[in-house]
Protein backbone atom coordinates (compact mmCIF):
# COMPACT_ATOMS: atom_id res chain seq x y z
CA UNK A 1 209.58 162.57 -90.21
CA UNK A 2 212.94 160.83 -89.98
CA UNK A 3 211.43 158.27 -87.63
CA UNK A 4 209.01 157.22 -90.37
CA UNK A 5 211.86 156.67 -92.85
CA UNK A 6 213.69 154.64 -90.19
CA UNK A 7 210.61 152.59 -89.34
CA UNK A 8 210.00 151.76 -93.00
CA UNK A 9 213.75 151.22 -93.65
CA UNK A 10 213.77 153.46 -96.73
CA UNK A 11 216.00 156.26 -97.90
CA UNK A 12 214.62 159.57 -99.09
CA UNK A 13 216.48 160.73 -102.18
CA UNK A 14 216.36 163.55 -104.65
CA UNK A 15 217.42 161.85 -107.89
CA UNK A 16 218.98 163.45 -110.93
CA UNK A 17 219.84 162.77 -114.54
CA UNK A 18 221.88 165.00 -116.82
CA UNK A 19 218.62 166.08 -118.48
CA UNK A 20 216.51 166.77 -115.42
CA UNK A 21 215.78 166.24 -111.79
CA UNK A 22 216.67 169.50 -110.13
CA UNK A 23 213.39 169.80 -111.46
CA UNK A 24 212.57 172.49 -113.91
CA UNK A 25 213.33 175.13 -116.51
CA UNK A 26 215.59 176.89 -114.00
CA UNK A 27 218.07 174.04 -114.42
CA UNK A 28 217.97 173.99 -118.23
CA UNK A 29 221.46 174.26 -119.64
CA UNK A 30 223.13 173.36 -116.35
CA UNK A 31 225.23 170.25 -116.00
CA UNK A 32 224.30 167.50 -113.61
CA UNK A 33 227.17 168.66 -111.41
CA UNK A 34 225.90 172.24 -111.29
CA UNK A 35 222.47 170.94 -110.31
CA UNK A 36 223.90 168.68 -107.60
CA UNK A 37 225.66 171.77 -106.27
CA UNK A 38 222.39 173.72 -106.19
CA UNK A 39 220.67 170.93 -104.27
CA UNK A 40 223.44 170.64 -101.69
CA UNK A 41 224.28 174.31 -101.20
CA UNK A 42 220.75 175.82 -101.41
CA UNK A 43 217.54 174.95 -99.61
CA UNK A 44 215.34 174.34 -102.65
CA UNK A 45 211.97 172.69 -102.43
CA UNK A 46 212.83 169.30 -103.91
CA UNK A 47 210.86 166.44 -105.34
CA UNK A 48 212.05 163.16 -103.82
CA UNK A 49 211.28 159.45 -103.78
CA UNK A 50 211.72 156.75 -101.19
CA UNK A 51 213.93 153.79 -102.08
CA UNK A 52 213.87 150.42 -100.34
CA UNK A 53 215.64 147.10 -100.73
CA UNK A 54 214.60 145.44 -103.99
CA UNK A 55 213.86 148.69 -105.82
CA UNK A 56 215.35 149.20 -109.26
CA UNK A 57 215.85 152.10 -111.60
CA UNK A 58 215.35 150.11 -114.76
CA UNK A 59 212.37 147.84 -115.31
CA UNK A 60 210.34 148.76 -112.23
CA UNK A 61 211.22 152.49 -112.25
CA UNK A 62 211.04 152.78 -108.47
CA UNK A 63 213.01 156.04 -108.52
CA UNK A 64 213.93 158.70 -111.04
CA UNK A 65 217.64 158.76 -111.81
CA UNK A 66 220.99 156.99 -111.44
CA UNK A 67 222.42 159.71 -109.18
CA UNK A 68 220.86 160.72 -105.90
CA UNK A 69 221.30 163.01 -102.94
CA UNK A 70 220.14 161.21 -99.79
CA UNK A 71 218.32 163.59 -97.44
CA UNK A 72 217.49 163.60 -93.74
CA UNK A 73 216.00 166.03 -91.19
CA UNK A 74 213.45 167.06 -93.79
CA UNK A 75 210.35 169.18 -93.67
CA UNK A 76 207.78 167.44 -95.86
CA UNK A 77 205.47 169.71 -97.86
CA UNK A 78 203.71 167.11 -100.06
CA UNK A 79 203.36 163.32 -99.96
CA UNK A 80 201.91 161.18 -102.74
CA UNK A 81 202.13 157.43 -103.30
CA UNK A 82 202.43 158.07 -107.06
CA UNK A 83 204.29 160.57 -109.21
CA UNK A 84 202.30 163.71 -108.44
CA UNK A 85 203.64 165.59 -111.44
CA UNK A 86 204.74 168.58 -109.41
CA UNK A 87 206.37 171.44 -111.26
CA UNK A 88 208.32 174.61 -110.63
CA UNK A 89 207.22 178.08 -111.68
CA UNK A 90 209.33 179.94 -109.14
CA UNK A 91 212.96 179.03 -108.53
CA UNK A 92 213.27 176.98 -105.35
CA UNK A 93 209.54 176.27 -104.93
CA UNK A 94 207.35 173.49 -106.25
CA UNK A 95 203.72 173.70 -107.36
CA UNK A 96 201.19 171.05 -106.37
CA UNK A 97 197.64 170.72 -105.14
CA UNK A 98 197.27 169.65 -101.54
CA UNK A 99 194.30 167.57 -100.51
CA UNK A 100 193.41 165.24 -97.67
CA UNK A 101 195.70 162.52 -99.06
CA UNK A 102 198.74 164.61 -100.07
CA UNK A 103 199.04 167.18 -97.28
CA UNK A 104 202.25 166.81 -95.24
CA UNK A 105 201.00 164.74 -92.32
CA UNK A 106 202.71 161.72 -90.77
CA UNK A 107 199.81 159.52 -91.91
CA UNK A 108 200.05 160.71 -95.50
CA UNK A 109 203.82 160.24 -95.53
CA UNK A 110 203.48 156.66 -94.30
CA UNK A 111 200.75 156.02 -96.87
CA UNK A 112 202.96 157.47 -99.62
CA UNK A 113 205.64 154.94 -98.68
CA UNK A 114 203.43 151.92 -98.02
CA UNK A 115 201.03 152.39 -100.94
CA UNK A 116 203.61 153.10 -103.63
CA UNK A 117 203.18 150.95 -106.72
CA UNK A 118 205.71 148.16 -107.06
CA UNK A 119 206.31 149.41 -110.63
CA UNK A 120 206.59 153.14 -110.06
CA UNK A 121 207.84 155.80 -107.70
CA UNK A 122 206.21 157.98 -105.11
CA UNK A 123 206.71 161.72 -104.82
CA UNK A 124 207.53 163.46 -101.58
CA UNK A 125 208.43 167.15 -101.61
CA UNK A 126 210.60 168.78 -98.97
CA UNK A 127 211.65 172.39 -98.45
CA UNK A 128 214.14 171.94 -95.61
CA UNK A 129 216.71 169.18 -95.47
CA UNK A 130 220.17 168.07 -94.53
CA UNK A 131 222.14 166.24 -97.24
CA UNK A 132 223.36 162.92 -95.84
CA UNK A 133 225.24 161.44 -98.79
CA UNK A 134 225.42 160.76 -102.51
CA UNK A 135 224.73 157.54 -104.36
CA UNK A 136 225.52 156.12 -107.77
CA UNK A 137 223.06 153.48 -108.97
CA UNK A 138 224.73 150.57 -110.76
CA UNK A 139 221.51 148.78 -111.83
CA UNK A 140 222.28 149.99 -115.36
CA UNK A 141 225.94 151.02 -115.49
CA UNK A 142 225.75 152.32 -119.05
CA UNK A 143 222.86 154.64 -118.15
CA UNK A 144 224.83 155.82 -115.12
CA UNK A 145 227.90 156.62 -117.23
CA UNK A 146 225.74 158.36 -119.84
CA UNK A 147 224.80 160.75 -117.05
CA UNK A 148 228.05 161.25 -115.13
CA UNK A 149 230.60 160.47 -117.89
CA UNK A 150 232.82 158.51 -115.50
CA UNK A 151 233.37 157.85 -111.82
CA UNK A 152 236.55 159.94 -111.62
CA UNK A 153 234.69 163.02 -112.87
CA UNK A 154 231.87 162.38 -110.39
CA UNK A 155 234.37 162.14 -107.56
CA UNK A 156 236.23 165.30 -108.61
CA UNK A 157 232.98 167.27 -108.78
CA UNK A 158 231.40 166.03 -105.54
CA UNK A 159 234.20 165.24 -103.08
CA UNK A 160 234.19 168.88 -101.96
CA UNK A 161 230.92 168.34 -100.08
CA UNK A 162 232.55 165.93 -97.59
CA UNK A 163 229.52 163.65 -97.74
CA UNK A 164 229.65 159.86 -97.66
CA UNK A 165 229.40 158.03 -100.97
CA UNK A 166 227.30 154.95 -101.61
CA UNK A 167 226.85 152.50 -104.41
CA UNK A 168 223.19 151.56 -104.88
CA UNK A 169 222.17 148.25 -106.38
CA UNK A 170 218.63 146.87 -106.29
CA UNK A 171 217.78 149.31 -103.54
CA UNK A 172 220.67 148.26 -101.30
CA UNK A 173 223.11 150.93 -100.18
CA UNK A 174 226.75 149.93 -100.01
CA UNK A 175 229.36 152.11 -98.32
CA UNK A 176 231.74 153.24 -101.02
CA UNK A 177 235.15 154.84 -101.28
CA UNK A 178 236.83 156.19 -104.38
CA UNK A 179 239.92 154.23 -105.43
CA UNK A 180 242.16 156.61 -107.42
CA UNK A 181 244.28 153.77 -108.78
CA UNK A 182 241.23 152.20 -110.42
CA UNK A 183 239.24 155.43 -110.91
CA UNK A 184 236.23 153.67 -109.41
CA UNK A 185 234.04 153.68 -106.35
CA UNK A 186 234.64 150.45 -104.46
CA UNK A 187 231.92 149.14 -102.19
CA UNK A 188 232.77 147.94 -98.71
CA UNK A 189 229.75 146.15 -97.30
CA UNK A 190 226.07 146.87 -97.08
CA UNK A 191 224.56 149.74 -95.15
CA UNK A 192 221.30 149.70 -93.22
CA UNK A 193 219.22 152.60 -94.55
CA UNK A 194 217.41 153.14 -91.26
CA UNK A 195 220.73 154.09 -89.62
CA UNK A 196 220.60 157.38 -91.53
CA UNK A 197 217.54 158.45 -89.61
CA UNK A 198 218.14 157.28 -86.03
């Protein structure tokens, strides 16, 4: 499936907010950092979206939250060009109805990417994955800070994973390093999303 993400030059991300995004009642009462830890350290079945250049969090709502775990080497279990409204009744597994358009085939995955609304997000579920990196979306900095509190706290809670960090702005990934003197993530040039998958 990685070749499809590379061909379409998109990233596959599981997005989070402090109020949701690990996906269910099993995460109620957990902080965003506890839920990021669950995503990275466990193989949960996750709901994801694809993000491409030009996508935004605010206005067009092309993805779910201002924080994301970028995934690769995934096993797709469900592919829908719209929000499929999947849920979780059992910890680690998602519930959905598969049909001829949402079953996890290469054709359906490509259609989920290509036929996504320009003003919405698609939903792709995966149950095996390798975390590639973490992003902070700066399309709406206040919304980001409402979710992570501040960049220093995000760094302190996520540096232990030894994953690359990215700033995301209008769907463009920018390599990022944390500057302790400024307590900020500083971007250092754009990153080609397809390089994640090839």
